[in-house]
C-alpha cells in the first residue's frame, strides 16, 4: 500500500489488518496513536501527521527489502502539499 496525498492528512491510516496509525485532537494538541495506544502528544498538527507518515512508511517496509523504508524529501513534500491543500480548502 502506498500513501497518497489524501491519506497523508487523513486522521487514520490502516497499514495492515492489525496495524493502524492515527492522529487525533488531544485537548489543544494532537496525539499520534498506534492501534489506539497513545505514542506522542504534539502541539503541531503537521508534526503529528509527519510522525504518522514516517511510522506508516516504516511499517509498510517491514515486508521485505524491496521497498525503501527511509522517509525521503519527496515524501515530506507530498505531506506538505497535502496539508497546504487541506488548509486552503478550509479558507472561506
Protein backbone atom coordinates (compact mmCIF):
# COMPACT_ATOMS: atom_id res chain seq x y z
CA UNK A 1 0.00 0.00 0.00
CA UNK A 2 1.38 3.39 -0.94
CA UNK A 3 0.49 6.57 0.84
CA UNK A 4 -1.38 9.05 -1.36
CA UNK A 5 -1.77 12.74 -0.57
CA UNK A 6 -5.30 12.32 0.83
CA UNK A 7 -4.14 9.53 3.13
CA UNK A 8 -1.30 11.65 4.49
CA UNK A 9 -3.70 14.07 6.15
CA UNK A 10 -6.44 11.56 6.95
CA UNK A 11 -6.96 11.03 10.67
CA UNK A 12 -6.38 7.26 10.43
CA UNK A 13 -4.26 5.05 8.14
CA UNK A 14 -4.56 1.25 8.22
CA UNK A 15 -1.24 -0.35 7.26
CA UNK A 16 -2.38 -3.95 7.70
CA UNK A 17 -5.23 -5.84 9.31
CA UNK A 18 -3.70 -5.37 12.75
CA UNK A 19 -1.75 -2.09 12.45
CA UNK A 20 -3.39 1.34 12.34
CA UNK A 21 -1.79 4.74 12.90
CA UNK A 22 -3.87 7.82 13.64
CA UNK A 23 -3.68 11.47 14.66
CA UNK A 24 -6.45 12.81 16.91
CA UNK A 25 -7.02 16.04 18.81
CA UNK A 26 -5.92 15.86 22.45
CA UNK A 27 -7.20 18.86 24.43
CA UNK A 28 -5.49 21.63 22.41
CA UNK A 29 -2.75 19.44 20.89
CA UNK A 30 -2.54 16.36 18.63
CA UNK A 31 -1.94 12.77 19.65
CA UNK A 32 -0.22 10.15 17.49
CA UNK A 33 -1.69 6.70 18.07
CA UNK A 34 -0.79 3.15 17.08
CA UNK A 35 -3.79 0.81 17.38
CA UNK A 36 -5.46 3.33 19.73
CA UNK A 37 -2.39 3.41 22.00
CA UNK A 38 -1.10 6.97 22.51
CA UNK A 39 2.52 7.27 21.37
CA UNK A 40 3.11 11.02 21.49
CA UNK A 41 1.39 14.38 22.00
CA UNK A 42 2.50 17.28 19.83
CA UNK A 43 1.36 20.89 19.61
CA UNK A 44 1.61 20.92 15.80
CA UNK A 45 -0.82 19.01 13.57
CA UNK A 46 1.78 18.97 10.78
CA UNK A 47 4.39 17.39 13.05
CA UNK A 48 1.88 14.80 14.27
CA UNK A 49 0.95 13.92 10.67
CA UNK A 50 4.65 13.80 9.74
CA UNK A 51 5.37 11.30 12.52
CA UNK A 52 2.34 9.24 11.46
CA UNK A 53 3.55 9.24 7.83
CA UNK A 54 7.02 8.08 8.92
CA UNK A 55 5.53 5.31 11.08
CA UNK A 56 3.29 4.16 8.20
CA UNK A 57 6.24 4.12 5.76
CA UNK A 58 8.32 2.13 8.25
CA UNK A 59 5.52 -0.37 8.93
CA UNK A 60 4.91 -0.87 5.20
CA UNK A 61 8.57 -1.70 4.61
CA UNK A 62 8.65 -4.48 7.21
CA UNK A 63 7.55 -6.92 4.48
CA UNK A 64 10.97 -7.10 2.84
CA UNK A 65 13.84 -5.21 1.31
CA UNK A 66 12.16 -4.29 -1.98
CA UNK A 67 10.54 -1.16 -0.56
CA UNK A 68 12.83 1.53 0.92
CA UNK A 69 11.90 2.39 4.49
CA UNK A 70 13.72 5.70 4.51
CA UNK A 71 11.38 8.68 4.61
CA UNK A 72 12.62 10.85 1.77
CA UNK A 73 12.37 14.54 0.89
CA UNK A 74 9.73 13.68 -1.74
CA UNK A 75 7.60 12.03 0.99
CA UNK A 76 7.90 15.15 3.13
CA UNK A 77 6.97 17.39 0.20
CA UNK A 78 3.87 15.26 -0.54
CA UNK A 79 2.74 15.69 3.06
CA UNK A 80 3.40 19.42 2.94
CA UNK A 81 1.42 19.79 -0.33
CA UNK A 82 -1.50 17.75 1.01
CA UNK A 83 -1.66 19.78 4.22
CA UNK A 84 -1.44 23.10 2.35
CA UNK A 85 -4.30 21.98 0.08
CA UNK A 86 -6.31 20.87 3.10
CA UNK A 87 -5.78 24.26 4.78
CA UNK A 88 -6.61 26.12 1.54
CA UNK A 89 -9.87 24.17 1.23
CA UNK A 90 -10.79 25.35 4.74
CA UNK A 91 -10.30 29.06 3.89
CA UNK A 92 -13.50 30.94 3.24
